[in-house]
């Protein structure tokens, strides 16, 4: 897909050019809709980037496209065939990144899996798969990159969610995983703080034109989604990019162990999955005694 951001981002945003000049960001899920725009913004502000993904062709193509935003050739490295559930894959990706760019300053743990299923239709294997990608994958990402982050006194950002703030139907798997991610971030902020490493989360709400939005809207129109948001609009991937820049920037040098929610205030009202069509939609899909 084409880049969401372009050079005009530099003139219309509050961030100074070359904010991340000489820095390197290491990103799992970097070809996905939200994480890709996080990378685009970082590259526009001078960073070099390594993006990781399962699909080799998709990851390398995304890296080539994002690289066009940089004034320096070879600024974005695409590393495909990476399974975040395998810490060995991530270790090799870290080694390749350091070989290419010499360092890692920032880590975005954004690889994730999601689908709609209530517990009667959610197998133990499916639950385990999402927890393994979202939670174990986040842990493995930090574990593999930690030696490099210690050298640069770097910063970690987990991509979380707001689903677990309330009891969200059809999202037991992701809610459990993201609650774990938040807890992991809190602990790492404490453990890694003495090493000079900061650790935070960004929690997107309803972000328009993303894979998550299309999967989780349950057929609800964009207009109805926005009506449930106090700020009366859906979020954009650029909103998440701005939060990312802030948390990695010197402006946040005393911020760690924080979850930055970017949802227009929506979670305070309970999320859409818990209100739209409840409980009729849930009852229609429930199958007691379904396959384990």
C-alpha atoms as a PDB file:
ATOM      1  CA  UNK A   1       0.000   0.000   0.000  1.00  0.00           C
ATOM      2  CA  UNK A   2       1.211   3.571  -0.550  1.00  0.00           C
ATOM      3  CA  UNK A   3       2.645   5.661   2.260  1.00  0.00           C
ATOM      4  CA  UNK A   4       0.108   7.484   4.418  1.00  0.00           C
ATOM      5  CA  UNK A   5       2.481  10.336   5.242  1.00  0.00           C
ATOM      6  CA  UNK A   6       4.627  12.458   2.944  1.00  0.00           C
ATOM      7  CA  UNK A   7       7.132  15.300   3.264  1.00  0.00           C
ATOM      8  CA  UNK A   8       4.318  17.745   4.087  1.00  0.00           C
ATOM      9  CA  UNK A   9       4.214  16.095   7.526  1.00  0.00           C
ATOM     10  CA  UNK A  10       7.381  18.020   8.370  1.00  0.00           C
ATOM     11  CA  UNK A  11       5.820  21.424   7.698  1.00  0.00           C
ATOM     12  CA  UNK A  12       2.411  20.822   9.247  1.00  0.00           C
ATOM     13  CA  UNK A  13       3.481  19.003  12.412  1.00  0.00           C
ATOM     14  CA  UNK A  14       4.926  20.496  15.594  1.00  0.00           C
ATOM     15  CA  UNK A  15       8.042  18.309  15.470  1.00  0.00           C
ATOM     16  CA  UNK A  16      11.375  19.687  14.345  1.00  0.00           C
ATOM     17  CA  UNK A  17      13.086  18.137  11.357  1.00  0.00           C
ATOM     18  CA  UNK A  18      15.895  15.674  12.103  1.00  0.00           C
ATOM     19  CA  UNK A  19      14.495  15.045  15.615  1.00  0.00           C
ATOM     20  CA  UNK A  20      15.636  11.417  15.314  1.00  0.00           C
ATOM     21  CA  UNK A  21      18.692  11.956  13.120  1.00  0.00           C
ATOM     22  CA  UNK A  22      21.297   9.271  13.832  1.00  0.00           C
ATOM     23  CA  UNK A  23      18.769   7.054  15.636  1.00  0.00           C
ATOM     24  CA  UNK A  24      17.490   3.592  14.695  1.00  0.00           C
ATOM     25  CA  UNK A  25      14.026   2.143  15.392  1.00  0.00           C
ATOM     26  CA  UNK A  26      13.359  -1.618  15.402  1.00  0.00           C
ATOM     27  CA  UNK A  27       9.698  -2.474  14.736  1.00  0.00           C
ATOM     28  CA  UNK A  28       7.732  -5.727  14.805  1.00  0.00           C
ATOM     29  CA  UNK A  29       4.535  -5.566  12.770  1.00  0.00           C
ATOM     30  CA  UNK A  30       6.109  -2.710  10.855  1.00  0.00           C
ATOM     31  CA  UNK A  31       4.196  -3.418   7.651  1.00  0.00           C
ATOM     32  CA  UNK A  32       0.815  -3.273   9.409  1.00  0.00           C
ATOM     33  CA  UNK A  33      -1.463  -0.271   9.125  1.00  0.00           C
ATOM     34  CA  UNK A  34      -0.736   1.407  12.479  1.00  0.00           C
ATOM     35  CA  UNK A  35       2.906   0.435  12.949  1.00  0.00           C
ATOM     36  CA  UNK A  36       3.743   1.352   9.375  1.00  0.00           C
ATOM     37  CA  UNK A  37       2.676   4.965   9.910  1.00  0.00           C
ATOM     38  CA  UNK A  38       4.622   5.074  13.173  1.00  0.00           C
ATOM     39  CA  UNK A  39       7.673   4.120  11.111  1.00  0.00           C
ATOM     40  CA  UNK A  40       6.874   6.603   8.349  1.00  0.00           C
ATOM     41  CA  UNK A  41       6.824   9.444  10.883  1.00  0.00           C
ATOM     42  CA  UNK A  42      10.082   8.342  12.507  1.00  0.00           C
ATOM     43  CA  UNK A  43      11.813   8.099   9.122  1.00  0.00           C
ATOM     44  CA  UNK A  44      10.530  11.521   8.055  1.00  0.00           C
ATOM     45  CA  UNK A  45      12.090  12.888  11.240  1.00  0.00           C
ATOM     46  CA  UNK A  46      15.476  11.408  10.419  1.00  0.00           C
ATOM     47  CA  UNK A  47      15.491   7.897  11.895  1.00  0.00           C
ATOM     48  CA  UNK A  48      16.600   4.745  10.176  1.00  0.00           C
ATOM     49  CA  UNK A  49      14.289   1.768  10.612  1.00  0.00           C
ATOM     50  CA  UNK A  50      14.182  -2.005  10.561  1.00  0.00           C
ATOM     51  CA  UNK A  51      10.689  -3.389  10.072  1.00  0.00           C
ATOM     52  CA  UNK A  52       9.902  -7.032  10.757  1.00  0.00           C
ATOM     53  CA  UNK A  53       7.067  -9.224   9.507  1.00  0.00           C
ATOM     54  CA  UNK A  54       5.998 -12.755   8.714  1.00  0.00           C
ATOM     55  CA  UNK A  55       5.435 -12.163   5.000  1.00  0.00           C
ATOM     56  CA  UNK A  56       8.740 -11.580   3.236  1.00  0.00           C
ATOM     57  CA  UNK A  57       7.367  -9.906   0.114  1.00  0.00           C
ATOM     58  CA  UNK A  58       4.976  -7.608   1.996  1.00  0.00           C
ATOM     59  CA  UNK A  59       7.641  -6.572   4.497  1.00  0.00           C
ATOM     60  CA  UNK A  60      10.321  -5.835   1.919  1.00  0.00           C
ATOM     61  CA  UNK A  61       7.849  -3.915  -0.269  1.00  0.00           C
ATOM     62  CA  UNK A  62       6.747  -1.795   2.704  1.00  0.00           C
ATOM     63  CA  UNK A  63      10.379  -1.078   3.580  1.00  0.00           C
ATOM     64  CA  UNK A  64      11.103   0.037   0.019  1.00  0.00           C
ATOM     65  CA  UNK A  65       8.070   2.362   0.007  1.00  0.00           C
ATOM     66  CA  UNK A  66       8.803   3.871   3.427  1.00  0.00           C
ATOM     67  CA  UNK A  67      12.428   4.333   2.403  1.00  0.00           C
ATOM     68  CA  UNK A  68      11.286   6.797  -0.264  1.00  0.00           C
ATOM     69  CA  UNK A  69      10.425   9.230   2.547  1.00  0.00           C
ATOM     70  CA  UNK A  70      14.078   9.469   3.573  1.00  0.00           C
ATOM     71  CA  UNK A  71      16.703  11.676   1.983  1.00  0.00           C
ATOM     72  CA  UNK A  72      19.248   8.926   2.577  1.00  0.00           C
ATOM     73  CA  UNK A  73      19.202   5.736   0.516  1.00  0.00           C
ATOM     74  CA  UNK A  74      19.008   2.452   2.399  1.00  0.00           C
ATOM     75  CA  UNK A  75      17.422   3.979   5.500  1.00  0.00           C
ATOM     76  CA  UNK A  76      14.726   1.314   5.892  1.00  0.00           C
ATOM     77  CA  UNK A  77      15.474  -2.388   6.192  1.00  0.00           C
ATOM     78  CA  UNK A  78      12.723  -4.966   5.651  1.00  0.00           C
ATOM     79  CA  UNK A  79      13.239  -8.280   7.437  1.00  0.00           C
ATOM     80  CA  UNK A  80      10.638 -10.887   6.555  1.00  0.00           C
ATOM     81  CA  UNK A  81       9.940 -14.450   7.675  1.00  0.00           C
ATOM     82  CA  UNK A  82      10.074 -13.409  11.340  1.00  0.00           C
ATOM     83  CA  UNK A  83       7.880 -15.176  13.880  1.00  0.00           C
ATOM     84  CA  UNK A  84       7.817 -13.111  17.075  1.00  0.00           C
ATOM     85  CA  UNK A  85       6.925 -16.242  19.021  1.00  0.00           C
ATOM     86  CA  UNK A  86      10.448 -17.462  18.275  1.00  0.00           C
ATOM     87  CA  UNK A  87      13.026 -15.390  20.156  1.00  0.00           C
ATOM     88  CA  UNK A  88      15.738 -16.847  17.922  1.00  0.00           C
ATOM     89  CA  UNK A  89      14.174 -15.177  14.874  1.00  0.00           C
ATOM     90  CA  UNK A  90      14.224 -11.864  16.695  1.00  0.00           C
ATOM     91  CA  UNK A  91      17.812 -12.276  17.819  1.00  0.00           C
ATOM     92  CA  UNK A  92      18.870 -12.768  14.193  1.00  0.00           C
ATOM     93  CA  UNK A  93      16.851  -9.701  13.170  1.00  0.00           C
ATOM     94  CA  UNK A  94      18.582  -7.620  15.842  1.00  0.00           C
ATOM     95  CA  UNK A  95      21.971  -8.813  14.636  1.00  0.00           C
ATOM     96  CA  UNK A  96      21.120  -7.943  11.039  1.00  0.00           C
ATOM     97  CA  UNK A  97      19.856  -4.499  12.070  1.00  0.00           C
ATOM     98  CA  UNK A  98      23.027  -3.726  14.007  1.00  0.00           C
ATOM     99  CA  UNK A  99      25.149  -5.007  11.135  1.00  0.00           C
ATOM    100  CA  UNK A 100      23.283  -2.661   8.769  1.00  0.00           C
ATOM    101  CA  UNK A 101      22.824   0.419  10.963  1.00  0.00           C
ATOM    102  CA  UNK A 102      25.226  -0.011  13.865  1.00  0.00           C
ATOM    103  CA  UNK A 103      22.753   0.433  16.740  1.00  0.00           C
ATOM    104  CA  UNK A 104      19.173   0.255  18.019  1.00  0.00           C
ATOM    105  CA  UNK A 105      17.719   3.199  19.949  1.00  0.00           C
ATOM    106  CA  UNK A 106      13.991   2.518  19.898  1.00  0.00           C
ATOM    107  CA  UNK A 107      11.844  -0.600  19.844  1.00  0.00           C
ATOM    108  CA  UNK A 108       8.184  -0.763  18.837  1.00  0.00           C
ATOM    109  CA  UNK A 109       6.576  -4.100  19.720  1.00  0.00           C
ATOM    110  CA  UNK A 110       3.559  -4.007  17.455  1.00  0.00           C
ATOM    111  CA  UNK A 111       3.052  -7.512  16.065  1.00  0.00           C
ATOM    112  CA  UNK A 112      -0.485  -8.624  16.910  1.00  0.00           C
ATOM    113  CA  UNK A 113      -3.292 -10.987  15.996  1.00  0.00           C
ATOM    114  CA  UNK A 114      -7.027 -10.540  16.399  1.00  0.00           C
ATOM    115  CA  UNK A 115     -10.410 -11.788  15.262  1.00  0.00           C
ATOM    116  CA  UNK A 116     -13.947 -11.782  16.644  1.00  0.00           C
ATOM    117  CA  UNK A 117     -14.962 -14.811  18.726  1.00  0.00           C
ATOM    118  CA  UNK A 118     -16.773 -15.356  22.003  1.00  0.00           C
ATOM    119  CA  UNK A 119     -15.528 -18.083  24.331  1.00  0.00           C
ATOM    120  CA  UNK A 120     -17.952 -20.694  22.994  1.00  0.00           C
ATOM    121  CA  UNK A 121     -16.378 -20.289  19.547  1.00  0.00           C
ATOM    122  CA  UNK A 122     -12.821 -19.622  20.698  1.00  0.00           C
ATOM    123  CA  UNK A 123     -10.664 -22.737  20.844  1.00  0.00           C
ATOM    124  CA  UNK A 124      -7.869 -23.118  23.356  1.00  0.00           C
ATOM    125  CA  UNK A 125      -5.420 -23.176  20.446  1.00  0.00           C
ATOM    126  CA  UNK A 126      -6.759 -19.900  19.034  1.00  0.00           C
ATOM    127  CA  UNK A 127      -6.590 -18.235  22.461  1.00  0.00           C
ATOM    128  CA  UNK A 128      -3.032 -19.462  22.913  1.00  0.00           C
ATOM    129  CA  UNK A 129      -2.017 -18.220  19.466  1.00  0.00           C
ATOM    130  CA  UNK A 130      -3.110 -14.629  20.125  1.00  0.00           C
ATOM    131  CA  UNK A 131      -1.514 -14.525  23.570  1.00  0.00           C
ATOM    132  CA  UNK A 132       1.682 -15.954  22.082  1.00  0.00           C
ATOM    133  CA  UNK A 133       1.860 -13.339  19.316  1.00  0.00           C
ATOM    134  CA  UNK A 134       0.800 -10.308  21.361  1.00  0.00           C
ATOM    135  CA  UNK A 135       2.266 -11.001  24.791  1.00  0.00           C
ATOM    136  CA  UNK A 136       5.070 -13.532  24.327  1.00  0.00           C
ATOM    137  CA  UNK A 137       6.024 -11.797  21.076  1.00  0.00           C
ATOM    138  CA  UNK A 138       6.324  -8.473  22.897  1.00  0.00           C
ATOM    139  CA  UNK A 139       8.490 -10.055  25.584  1.00  0.00           C
ATOM    140  CA  UNK A 140      10.688 -11.779  22.992  1.00  0.00           C
ATOM    141  CA  UNK A 141      11.150  -8.522  21.078  1.00  0.00           C
ATOM    142  CA  UNK A 142      12.462  -6.707  24.138  1.00  0.00           C
ATOM    143  CA  UNK A 143      14.534  -9.693  25.253  1.00  0.00           C
ATOM    144  CA  UNK A 144      16.319  -9.871  21.900  1.00  0.00           C
ATOM    145  CA  UNK A 145      16.920  -6.124  21.591  1.00  0.00           C
ATOM    146  CA  UNK A 146      17.836  -5.474  25.238  1.00  0.00           C
ATOM    147  CA  UNK A 147      21.643  -5.668  24.871  1.00  0.00           C
ATOM    148  CA  UNK A 148      21.505  -2.973  22.175  1.00  0.00           C
ATOM    149  CA  UNK A 149      19.048  -0.802  24.109  1.00  0.00           C
ATOM    150  CA  UNK A 150      21.338  -0.922  27.119  1.00  0.00           C
ATOM    151  CA  UNK A 151      24.170   0.497  24.996  1.00  0.00           C
ATOM    152  CA  UNK A 152      22.092   3.422  23.711  1.00  0.00           C
ATOM    153  CA  UNK A 153      19.921   3.956  26.825  1.00  0.00           C
ATOM    154  CA  UNK A 154      17.025   3.488  24.482  1.00  0.00           C
ATOM    155  CA  UNK A 155      13.263   3.389  24.722  1.00  0.00           C
ATOM    156  CA  UNK A 156      10.568   0.734  24.278  1.00  0.00           C
ATOM    157  CA  UNK A 157       7.000   1.227  23.088  1.00  0.00           C
ATOM    158  CA  UNK A 158       4.387  -1.529  23.206  1.00  0.00           C
ATOM    159  CA  UNK A 159       1.282  -1.196  21.039  1.00  0.00           C
ATOM    160  CA  UNK A 160      -1.536  -2.080  23.416  1.00  0.00           C
ATOM    161  CA  UNK A 161      -5.310  -1.499  23.335  1.00  0.00           C
ATOM    162  CA  UNK A 162      -8.228  -0.333  25.490  1.00  0.00           C
ATOM    163  CA  UNK A 163     -10.301  -3.508  25.142  1.00  0.00           C
ATOM    164  CA  UNK A 164      -9.335  -4.872  28.561  1.00  0.00           C
ATOM    165  CA  UNK A 165     -10.414  -1.738  30.433  1.00  0.00           C
ATOM    166  CA  UNK A 166     -13.956  -3.143  30.405  1.00  0.00           C
ATOM    167  CA  UNK A 167     -15.397  -6.605  29.800  1.00  0.00           C
ATOM    168  CA  UNK A 168     -15.384  -6.600  26.002  1.00  0.00           C
ATOM    169  CA  UNK A 169     -17.371  -9.444  24.423  1.00  0.00           C
ATOM    170  CA  UNK A 170     -15.727 -11.371  21.583  1.00  0.00           C
ATOM    171  CA  UNK A 171     -12.294 -10.188  22.764  1.00  0.00           C
ATOM    172  CA  UNK A 172     -11.258 -12.457  25.652  1.00  0.00           C
ATOM    173  CA  UNK A 173      -8.084 -13.494  23.844  1.00  0.00           C
ATOM    174  CA  UNK A 174      -6.877  -9.998  22.988  1.00  0.00           C
ATOM    175  CA  UNK A 175      -8.021  -8.500  26.286  1.00  0.00           C
ATOM    176  CA  UNK A 176      -5.976 -11.064  28.210  1.00  0.00           C
ATOM    177  CA  UNK A 177      -2.952 -10.531  25.972  1.00  0.00           C
ATOM    178  CA  UNK A 178      -3.014  -6.724  26.084  1.00  0.00           C
ATOM    179  CA  UNK A 179      -3.587  -6.664  29.853  1.00  0.00           C
ATOM    180  CA  UNK A 180      -0.437  -8.744  30.039  1.00  0.00           C
ATOM    181  CA  UNK A 181       1.406  -6.318  27.753  1.00  0.00           C
ATOM    182  CA  UNK A 182       0.477  -3.401  30.025  1.00  0.00           C
ATOM    183  CA  UNK A 183       1.672  -5.313  33.085  1.00  0.00           C
ATOM    184  CA  UNK A 184       4.898  -6.286  31.307  1.00  0.00           C
ATOM    185  CA  UNK A 185       5.546  -2.656  30.422  1.00  0.00           C
ATOM    186  CA  UNK A 186       5.043  -1.570  34.025  1.00  0.00           C
ATOM    187  CA  UNK A 187       7.530  -4.131  35.310  1.00  0.00           C
ATOM    188  CA  UNK A 188      10.118  -3.363  32.632  1.00  0.00           C
ATOM    189  CA  UNK A 189       9.863   0.355  33.363  1.00  0.00           C
ATOM    190  CA  UNK A 190      10.935  -0.444  36.926  1.00  0.00           C
ATOM    191  CA  UNK A 191      13.544  -3.062  36.077  1.00  0.00           C
ATOM    192  CA  UNK A 192      15.151  -1.228  33.157  1.00  0.00           C
ATOM    193  CA  UNK A 193      14.919   2.317  34.501  1.00  0.00           C
ATOM    194  CA  UNK A 194      18.275   2.047  36.323  1.00  0.00           C
ATOM    195  CA  UNK A 195      19.824   1.131  32.945  1.00  0.00           C
ATOM    196  CA  UNK A 196      18.475   4.354  31.445  1.00  0.00           C
ATOM    197  CA  UNK A 197      15.837   2.543  29.370  1.00  0.00           C
ATOM    198  CA  UNK A 198      12.294   3.897  29.285  1.00  0.00           C
ATOM    199  CA  UNK A 199       9.258   1.688  28.611  1.00  0.00           C
ATOM    200  CA  UNK A 200       5.739   2.823  27.713  1.00  0.00           C
ATOM    201  CA  UNK A 201       2.594   1.728  25.874  1.00  0.00           C
ATOM    202  CA  UNK A 202       0.383   3.417  23.319  1.00  0.00           C
ATOM    203  CA  UNK A 203      -3.241   2.246  23.346  1.00  0.00           C
ATOM    204  CA  UNK A 204      -5.155   3.114  20.161  1.00  0.00           C
ATOM    205  CA  UNK A 205      -8.931   3.318  20.161  1.00  0.00           C
ATOM    206  CA  UNK A 206     -11.073   3.225  17.012  1.00  0.00           C
ATOM    207  CA  UNK A 207      -8.610   4.124  14.250  1.00  0.00           C
ATOM    208  CA  UNK A 208     -10.141   4.619  10.812  1.00  0.00           C
ATOM    209  CA  UNK A 209      -8.946   2.676   7.767  1.00  0.00           C
ATOM    210  CA  UNK A 210      -7.061   0.045   9.739  1.00  0.00           C
ATOM    211  CA  UNK A 211      -7.218  -3.739   9.755  1.00  0.00           C
ATOM    212  CA  UNK A 212      -8.389  -3.671  13.374  1.00  0.00           C
ATOM    213  CA  UNK A 213     -11.252  -1.291  12.652  1.00  0.00           C
ATOM    214  CA  UNK A 214     -12.509  -3.336   9.717  1.00  0.00           C
ATOM    215  CA  UNK A 215     -12.404  -6.550  11.743  1.00  0.00           C
ATOM    216  CA  UNK A 216     -13.900  -5.246  14.967  1.00  0.00           C
ATOM    217  CA  UNK A 217     -16.611  -2.821  13.825  1.00  0.00           C
ATOM    218  CA  UNK A 218     -19.124  -5.675  13.544  1.00  0.00           C
ATOM    219  CA  UNK A 219     -20.830  -3.901  10.661  1.00  0.00           C
ATOM    220  CA  UNK A 220     -21.410  -0.696  12.636  1.00  0.00           C
ATOM    221  CA  UNK A 221     -21.149   2.392  10.423  1.00  0.00           C
ATOM    222  CA  UNK A 222     -18.331   4.901  10.860  1.00  0.00           C
ATOM    223  CA  UNK A 223     -20.906   7.565  11.729  1.00  0.00           C
ATOM    224  CA  UNK A 224     -22.248   5.440  14.604  1.00  0.00           C
ATOM    225  CA  UNK A 225     -18.723   4.676  15.798  1.00  0.00           C
ATOM    226  CA  UNK A 226     -17.854   8.360  15.909  1.00  0.00           C
ATOM    227  CA  UNK A 227     -21.064   9.194  17.769  1.00  0.00           C
ATOM    228  CA  UNK A 228     -19.749   7.100  20.684  1.00  0.00           C
ATOM    229  CA  UNK A 229     -16.471   9.047  20.869  1.00  0.00           C
ATOM    230  CA  UNK A 230     -16.468  12.157  23.095  1.00  0.00           C
ATOM    231  CA  UNK A 231     -14.355  14.039  20.531  1.00  0.00           C
ATOM    232  CA  UNK A 232     -16.875  12.990  17.857  1.00  0.00           C
ATOM    233  CA  UNK A 233     -14.422  11.588  15.360  1.00  0.00           C
ATOM    234  CA  UNK A 234     -12.534   8.400  14.739  1.00  0.00           C
ATOM    235  CA  UNK A 235      -8.804   8.366  15.232  1.00  0.00           C
ATOM    236  CA  UNK A 236      -6.188   8.318  12.501  1.00  0.00           C
ATOM    237  CA  UNK A 237      -2.925   6.456  12.180  1.00  0.00           C
ATOM    238  CA  UNK A 238      -1.258   9.866  12.249  1.00  0.00           C
ATOM    239  CA  UNK A 239      -2.687  10.397  15.758  1.00  0.00           C
ATOM    240  CA  UNK A 240      -0.818   7.271  16.856  1.00  0.00           C
ATOM    241  CA  UNK A 241       2.317   8.461  15.078  1.00  0.00           C
ATOM    242  CA  UNK A 242       2.262  11.739  17.019  1.00  0.00           C
ATOM    243  CA  UNK A 243       1.914   9.883  20.336  1.00  0.00           C
ATOM    244  CA  UNK A 244       4.814   7.651  19.308  1.00  0.00           C
ATOM    245  CA  UNK A 245       7.049  10.597  18.468  1.00  0.00           C
ATOM    246  CA  UNK A 246       6.293  12.241  21.797  1.00  0.00           C
ATOM    247  CA  UNK A 247       7.060   9.105  23.820  1.00  0.00           C
ATOM    248  CA  UNK A 248      10.371   8.580  22.003  1.00  0.00           C
ATOM    249  CA  UNK A 249      11.351  12.251  22.035  1.00  0.00           C
ATOM    250  CA  UNK A 250      13.375  14.129  24.671  1.00  0.00           C
ATOM    251  CA  UNK A 251      10.088  15.773  25.714  1.00  0.00           C
ATOM    252  CA  UNK A 252       9.179  12.451  27.365  1.00  0.00           C
ATOM    253  CA  UNK A 253      12.574  11.843  28.965  1.00  0.00           C
ATOM    254  CA  UNK A 254      10.951  11.591  32.419  1.00  0.00           C
ATOM    255  CA  UNK A 255       7.998   9.476  31.257  1.00  0.00           C
ATOM    256  CA  UNK A 256       8.152   5.721  31.811  1.00  0.00           C
ATOM    257  CA  UNK A 257       5.687   3.043  32.879  1.00  0.00           C
ATOM    258  CA  UNK A 258       2.900   5.008  31.200  1.00  0.00           C
ATOM    259  CA  UNK A 259       0.030   3.892  28.957  1.00  0.00           C
ATOM    260  CA  UNK A 260      -0.798   6.661  26.493  1.00  0.00           C
ATOM    261  CA  UNK A 261      -4.401   6.147  25.429  1.00  0.00           C
ATOM    262  CA  UNK A 262      -5.246   7.658  22.031  1.00  0.00           C
ATOM    263  CA  UNK A 263      -8.988   7.133  21.616  1.00  0.00           C
ATOM    264  CA  UNK A 264     -10.724  10.487  21.868  1.00  0.00           C
ATOM    265  CA  UNK A 265     -11.946   9.587  25.361  1.00  0.00           C
ATOM    266  CA  UNK A 266     -14.055   6.671  24.092  1.00  0.00           C
ATOM    267  CA  UNK A 267     -13.040   4.068  26.639  1.00  0.00           C
ATOM    268  CA  UNK A 268     -14.659   6.068  29.445  1.00  0.00           C
ATOM    269  CA  UNK A 269     -18.037   5.265  27.877  1.00  0.00           C
ATOM    270  CA  UNK A 270     -17.319   1.588  27.339  1.00  0.00           C
ATOM    271  CA  UNK A 271     -16.138   0.438  23.941  1.00  0.00           C
ATOM    272  CA  UNK A 272     -18.334  -0.193  20.921  1.00  0.00           C
ATOM    273  CA  UNK A 273     -17.924  -3.973  21.038  1.00  0.00           C
ATOM    274  CA  UNK A 274     -19.559  -3.985  24.465  1.00  0.00           C
ATOM    275  CA  UNK A 275     -22.562  -1.846  23.532  1.00  0.00           C
ATOM    276  CA  UNK A 276     -23.467  -2.320  19.862  1.00  0.00           C
ATOM    277  CA  UNK A 277     -25.946  -5.165  19.537  1.00  0.00           C
ATOM    278  CA  UNK A 278     -25.333  -6.519  23.035  1.00  0.00           C
ATOM    279  CA  UNK A 279     -26.566  -9.080  24.040  1.00  0.00           C
ATOM    280  CA  UNK A 280     -28.530 -10.096  20.919  1.00  0.00           C
ATOM    281  CA  UNK A 281     -25.500 -10.414  18.643  1.00  0.00           C
ATOM    282  CA  UNK A 282     -23.663 -12.388  21.300  1.00  0.00           C
ATOM    283  CA  UNK A 283     -26.554 -14.791  21.839  1.00  0.00           C
ATOM    284  CA  UNK A 284     -26.833 -15.448  18.114  1.00  0.00           C
ATOM    285  CA  UNK A 285     -23.251 -16.631  17.938  1.00  0.00           C
ATOM    286  CA  UNK A 286     -22.876 -18.554  21.167  1.00  0.00           C
ATOM    287  CA  UNK A 287     -22.537 -22.331  20.788  1.00  0.00           C
ATOM    288  CA  UNK A 288     -22.300 -24.074  24.129  1.00  0.00           C
ATOM    289  CA  UNK A 289     -20.343 -27.284  23.765  1.00  0.00           C
ATOM    290  CA  UNK A 290     -18.496 -26.132  20.672  1.00  0.00           C
ATOM    291  CA  UNK A 291     -15.210 -27.781  19.721  1.00  0.00           C
ATOM    292  CA  UNK A 292     -12.403 -27.220  22.257  1.00  0.00           C
END
